[in-house]
N, C-alpha and C. Protein backbone atom coordinates (compact mmCIF):
# COMPACT_ATOMS: atom_id res chain seq x y z
N UNK A 1 81.86 -89.94 27.76
CA UNK A 1 82.79 -89.73 26.67
C UNK A 1 82.19 -88.70 25.72
N UNK A 2 83.02 -87.79 25.31
CA UNK A 2 82.62 -86.77 24.35
C UNK A 2 83.20 -87.13 22.99
N UNK A 3 82.36 -87.14 21.97
CA UNK A 3 82.80 -87.46 20.61
C UNK A 3 82.57 -86.24 19.73
N UNK A 4 83.65 -85.80 19.07
CA UNK A 4 83.55 -84.69 18.12
C UNK A 4 84.16 -85.13 16.80
N UNK A 5 83.77 -84.45 15.73
CA UNK A 5 84.25 -84.82 14.41
C UNK A 5 84.40 -83.58 13.55
N UNK A 6 85.47 -83.57 12.75
CA UNK A 6 85.62 -82.55 11.72
C UNK A 6 85.80 -83.26 10.38
N UNK A 7 86.29 -82.58 9.38
CA UNK A 7 86.39 -83.17 8.04
C UNK A 7 87.29 -84.39 7.97
N UNK A 8 88.34 -84.42 8.78
CA UNK A 8 89.32 -85.50 8.65
C UNK A 8 89.54 -86.32 9.91
N UNK A 9 88.97 -85.91 11.03
CA UNK A 9 89.32 -86.58 12.29
C UNK A 9 88.11 -86.73 13.21
N UNK A 10 88.05 -87.87 13.87
CA UNK A 10 87.07 -88.11 14.93
C UNK A 10 87.86 -88.12 16.24
N UNK A 11 87.39 -87.37 17.23
CA UNK A 11 88.07 -87.28 18.52
C UNK A 11 87.17 -87.87 19.60
N UNK A 12 87.71 -88.87 20.30
CA UNK A 12 87.02 -89.48 21.42
C UNK A 12 87.69 -89.00 22.70
N UNK A 13 87.00 -88.18 23.45
CA UNK A 13 87.57 -87.59 24.66
C UNK A 13 87.05 -88.35 25.87
N UNK A 14 87.93 -89.12 26.50
CA UNK A 14 87.53 -89.92 27.65
C UNK A 14 87.39 -89.05 28.89
N UNK A 15 86.42 -89.37 29.72
CA UNK A 15 86.13 -88.59 30.91
C UNK A 15 86.57 -89.28 32.19
N UNK A 16 87.05 -90.53 32.09
CA UNK A 16 87.44 -91.28 33.29
C UNK A 16 88.49 -92.31 32.92
N UNK A 17 88.92 -93.08 33.91
CA UNK A 17 89.93 -94.11 33.69
C UNK A 17 89.43 -95.15 32.70
N UNK A 18 90.37 -95.84 32.09
CA UNK A 18 90.06 -96.86 31.09
C UNK A 18 90.27 -98.23 31.73
N UNK A 19 89.21 -98.70 32.38
CA UNK A 19 89.27 -99.96 33.12
C UNK A 19 88.09 -100.84 32.72
N UNK A 20 88.05 -102.03 33.27
CA UNK A 20 86.98 -102.97 32.96
C UNK A 20 85.60 -102.40 33.11
N UNK A 21 85.42 -101.48 34.04
CA UNK A 21 84.10 -100.88 34.28
C UNK A 21 83.70 -99.89 33.19
N UNK A 22 84.65 -99.33 32.48
CA UNK A 22 84.35 -98.26 31.52
C UNK A 22 84.73 -98.59 30.08
N UNK A 23 85.38 -99.70 29.87
CA UNK A 23 85.99 -99.99 28.58
C UNK A 23 84.96 -100.28 27.47
N UNK A 24 83.80 -100.78 27.82
CA UNK A 24 82.81 -101.15 26.80
C UNK A 24 82.35 -99.94 25.98
N UNK A 25 82.13 -98.82 26.64
CA UNK A 25 81.72 -97.61 25.92
C UNK A 25 82.79 -97.20 24.90
N UNK A 26 84.05 -97.25 25.29
CA UNK A 26 85.12 -96.90 24.36
C UNK A 26 85.17 -97.89 23.21
N UNK A 27 85.05 -99.17 23.50
CA UNK A 27 85.10 -100.19 22.45
C UNK A 27 84.02 -99.92 21.39
N UNK A 28 82.81 -99.64 21.84
CA UNK A 28 81.70 -99.38 20.92
C UNK A 28 81.97 -98.12 20.09
N UNK A 29 82.41 -97.05 20.73
CA UNK A 29 82.68 -95.80 20.01
C UNK A 29 83.84 -95.95 19.03
N UNK A 30 84.87 -96.70 19.42
CA UNK A 30 85.99 -96.93 18.51
C UNK A 30 85.54 -97.70 17.28
N UNK A 31 84.74 -98.74 17.49
CA UNK A 31 84.25 -99.51 16.34
C UNK A 31 83.44 -98.64 15.40
N UNK A 32 82.56 -97.79 15.96
CA UNK A 32 81.78 -96.87 15.13
C UNK A 32 82.70 -95.91 14.39
N UNK A 33 83.67 -95.36 15.10
CA UNK A 33 84.58 -94.37 14.51
C UNK A 33 85.41 -94.97 13.39
N UNK A 34 85.81 -96.22 13.55
CA UNK A 34 86.63 -96.86 12.53
C UNK A 34 85.82 -97.27 11.31
N UNK A 35 84.50 -97.18 11.39
CA UNK A 35 83.64 -97.42 10.24
C UNK A 35 83.34 -96.14 9.47
N UNK A 36 83.64 -94.98 10.07
CA UNK A 36 83.38 -93.69 9.42
C UNK A 36 84.38 -93.47 8.28
N UNK A 37 84.13 -92.42 7.51
CA UNK A 37 84.96 -92.13 6.34
C UNK A 37 86.20 -91.30 6.63
N UNK A 38 86.38 -90.83 7.85
CA UNK A 38 87.55 -90.02 8.17
C UNK A 38 88.84 -90.83 8.07
N UNK A 39 89.94 -90.13 8.01
CA UNK A 39 91.23 -90.81 7.89
C UNK A 39 91.98 -90.89 9.21
N UNK A 40 91.43 -90.25 10.26
CA UNK A 40 92.11 -90.22 11.55
C UNK A 40 91.10 -90.38 12.69
N UNK A 41 91.53 -91.10 13.72
CA UNK A 41 90.77 -91.20 14.96
C UNK A 41 91.74 -90.89 16.09
N UNK A 42 91.37 -89.95 16.95
CA UNK A 42 92.21 -89.59 18.10
C UNK A 42 91.46 -89.94 19.38
N UNK A 43 92.17 -90.58 20.30
CA UNK A 43 91.61 -90.88 21.62
C UNK A 43 92.32 -89.96 22.61
N UNK A 44 91.57 -89.03 23.17
CA UNK A 44 92.12 -88.04 24.10
C UNK A 44 92.10 -88.63 25.51
N UNK A 45 93.29 -88.83 26.07
CA UNK A 45 93.44 -89.47 27.38
C UNK A 45 93.76 -88.48 28.49
N UNK A 46 93.45 -87.21 28.29
CA UNK A 46 93.82 -86.18 29.26
C UNK A 46 93.29 -86.47 30.66
N UNK A 47 92.07 -86.98 30.77
CA UNK A 47 91.47 -87.23 32.08
C UNK A 47 91.68 -88.66 32.57
N UNK A 48 92.45 -89.44 31.85
CA UNK A 48 92.69 -90.84 32.22
C UNK A 48 93.93 -90.92 33.10
N UNK A 49 93.76 -91.49 34.27
CA UNK A 49 94.88 -91.69 35.19
C UNK A 49 95.28 -93.15 35.31
N UNK A 50 94.38 -94.07 34.97
CA UNK A 50 94.65 -95.51 35.06
C UNK A 50 94.11 -96.23 33.84
N UNK A 51 94.88 -97.19 33.37
CA UNK A 51 94.44 -98.09 32.31
C UNK A 51 94.78 -99.50 32.77
N UNK A 52 93.78 -100.40 32.75
CA UNK A 52 94.06 -101.78 33.13
C UNK A 52 94.21 -102.64 31.87
N UNK A 53 94.34 -103.95 32.06
CA UNK A 53 94.59 -104.85 30.94
C UNK A 53 93.44 -104.84 29.94
N UNK A 54 92.22 -104.69 30.41
CA UNK A 54 91.08 -104.64 29.49
C UNK A 54 91.12 -103.37 28.64
N UNK A 55 91.53 -102.27 29.25
CA UNK A 55 91.67 -101.03 28.51
C UNK A 55 92.75 -101.14 27.44
N UNK A 56 93.88 -101.73 27.82
CA UNK A 56 94.96 -101.94 26.84
C UNK A 56 94.49 -102.83 25.70
N UNK A 57 93.74 -103.88 26.03
CA UNK A 57 93.26 -104.82 25.01
C UNK A 57 92.37 -104.11 23.99
N UNK A 58 91.49 -103.24 24.44
CA UNK A 58 90.61 -102.50 23.53
C UNK A 58 91.44 -101.58 22.63
N UNK A 59 92.42 -100.90 23.20
CA UNK A 59 93.26 -100.00 22.40
C UNK A 59 94.08 -100.78 21.38
N UNK A 60 94.61 -101.93 21.77
CA UNK A 60 95.40 -102.76 20.84
C UNK A 60 94.52 -103.25 19.70
N UNK A 61 93.32 -103.74 20.02
CA UNK A 61 92.40 -104.21 18.98
C UNK A 61 92.03 -103.08 18.02
N UNK A 62 91.79 -101.90 18.57
CA UNK A 62 91.45 -100.75 17.73
C UNK A 62 92.61 -100.36 16.82
N UNK A 63 93.82 -100.42 17.35
CA UNK A 63 94.99 -100.09 16.53
C UNK A 63 95.14 -101.07 15.37
N UNK A 64 94.95 -102.36 15.65
CA UNK A 64 95.04 -103.37 14.59
C UNK A 64 93.97 -103.14 13.53
N UNK A 65 92.75 -102.85 13.96
CA UNK A 65 91.66 -102.59 13.03
C UNK A 65 91.94 -101.34 12.20
N UNK A 66 92.47 -100.31 12.85
CA UNK A 66 92.77 -99.06 12.13
C UNK A 66 93.82 -99.29 11.05
N UNK A 67 94.81 -100.13 11.34
CA UNK A 67 95.83 -100.42 10.33
C UNK A 67 95.22 -101.13 9.12
N UNK A 68 94.33 -102.08 9.38
CA UNK A 68 93.67 -102.80 8.29
C UNK A 68 92.85 -101.87 7.42
N UNK A 69 92.27 -100.84 8.02
CA UNK A 69 91.40 -99.91 7.29
C UNK A 69 92.14 -98.66 6.82
N UNK A 70 93.46 -98.63 7.05
CA UNK A 70 94.30 -97.49 6.65
C UNK A 70 93.83 -96.19 7.30
N UNK A 71 93.48 -96.28 8.57
CA UNK A 71 93.08 -95.13 9.37
C UNK A 71 94.15 -94.90 10.42
N UNK A 72 94.51 -93.65 10.64
CA UNK A 72 95.52 -93.31 11.65
C UNK A 72 94.83 -93.19 13.00
N UNK A 73 95.27 -93.99 13.96
CA UNK A 73 94.75 -93.93 15.33
C UNK A 73 95.83 -93.34 16.22
N UNK A 74 95.52 -92.24 16.89
CA UNK A 74 96.48 -91.62 17.79
C UNK A 74 95.90 -91.54 19.19
N UNK A 75 96.79 -91.59 20.17
CA UNK A 75 96.43 -91.39 21.57
C UNK A 75 97.03 -90.06 21.97
N UNK A 76 96.19 -89.13 22.44
CA UNK A 76 96.64 -87.77 22.70
C UNK A 76 96.50 -87.40 24.17
N UNK A 77 97.22 -86.34 24.55
CA UNK A 77 97.16 -85.77 25.91
C UNK A 77 97.42 -86.82 26.99
N UNK A 78 98.47 -87.58 26.79
CA UNK A 78 98.81 -88.67 27.71
C UNK A 78 99.67 -88.12 28.85
N UNK A 79 99.29 -88.45 30.08
CA UNK A 79 100.11 -88.00 31.20
C UNK A 79 101.34 -88.90 31.34
N UNK A 80 102.25 -88.51 32.18
CA UNK A 80 103.53 -89.22 32.32
C UNK A 80 103.34 -90.66 32.80
N UNK A 81 102.43 -90.89 33.73
CA UNK A 81 102.20 -92.24 34.25
C UNK A 81 101.68 -93.18 33.16
N UNK A 82 100.76 -92.69 32.36
CA UNK A 82 100.21 -93.52 31.27
C UNK A 82 101.29 -93.76 30.22
N UNK A 83 102.08 -92.75 29.92
CA UNK A 83 103.18 -92.92 28.97
C UNK A 83 104.16 -93.97 29.48
N UNK A 84 104.47 -93.92 30.77
CA UNK A 84 105.37 -94.91 31.36
C UNK A 84 104.78 -96.31 31.28
N UNK A 85 103.47 -96.44 31.46
CA UNK A 85 102.81 -97.74 31.33
C UNK A 85 103.01 -98.29 29.93
N UNK A 86 102.80 -97.46 28.91
CA UNK A 86 102.98 -97.92 27.53
C UNK A 86 104.43 -98.34 27.28
N UNK A 87 105.38 -97.64 27.87
CA UNK A 87 106.78 -98.04 27.73
C UNK A 87 107.05 -99.36 28.45
N UNK A 88 106.50 -99.51 29.65
CA UNK A 88 106.71 -100.71 30.46
C UNK A 88 106.21 -101.96 29.75
N UNK A 89 105.07 -101.86 29.09
CA UNK A 89 104.51 -103.03 28.41
C UNK A 89 104.89 -103.07 26.92
N UNK A 90 105.88 -102.27 26.56
CA UNK A 90 106.46 -102.25 25.21
C UNK A 90 105.42 -101.92 24.13
N UNK A 91 104.54 -100.97 24.43
CA UNK A 91 103.54 -100.53 23.46
C UNK A 91 103.75 -99.09 23.01
N UNK A 92 104.76 -98.42 23.54
CA UNK A 92 104.99 -97.02 23.17
C UNK A 92 105.29 -96.90 21.67
N UNK A 93 105.98 -97.86 21.10
CA UNK A 93 106.28 -97.82 19.67
C UNK A 93 105.14 -98.31 18.80
N UNK A 94 104.23 -99.05 19.38
CA UNK A 94 103.08 -99.59 18.66
C UNK A 94 102.04 -98.51 18.38
N UNK A 95 101.86 -97.62 19.35
CA UNK A 95 100.87 -96.54 19.23
C UNK A 95 101.54 -95.23 18.84
N UNK A 96 100.76 -94.38 18.18
CA UNK A 96 101.17 -93.01 17.92
C UNK A 96 100.75 -92.20 19.14
N UNK A 97 101.72 -91.91 20.02
CA UNK A 97 101.45 -91.21 21.28
C UNK A 97 101.77 -89.74 21.13
N UNK A 98 100.80 -88.89 21.40
CA UNK A 98 101.00 -87.43 21.34
C UNK A 98 100.63 -86.81 22.65
């Protein structure tokens, strides 16, 4: 995972699928990012082709935490299959999908 930061945003760029085998690294980075002083956190899903239930759970928990801390959490560069997954599980409206 590549993490970059500017004045207002932290970007977490995932390098592989978001599944049980890889989700812990994202969870840790999201928790760190949500403790920073920026007002936005973006999770770049360009290289993600699959998300399992554990991946969804981490994203949902991060979204809830971001709301409590008044931080905008966005999911960016989502492919059509991942977008369809979010629609299927009724999370497309819950997340800011770009």
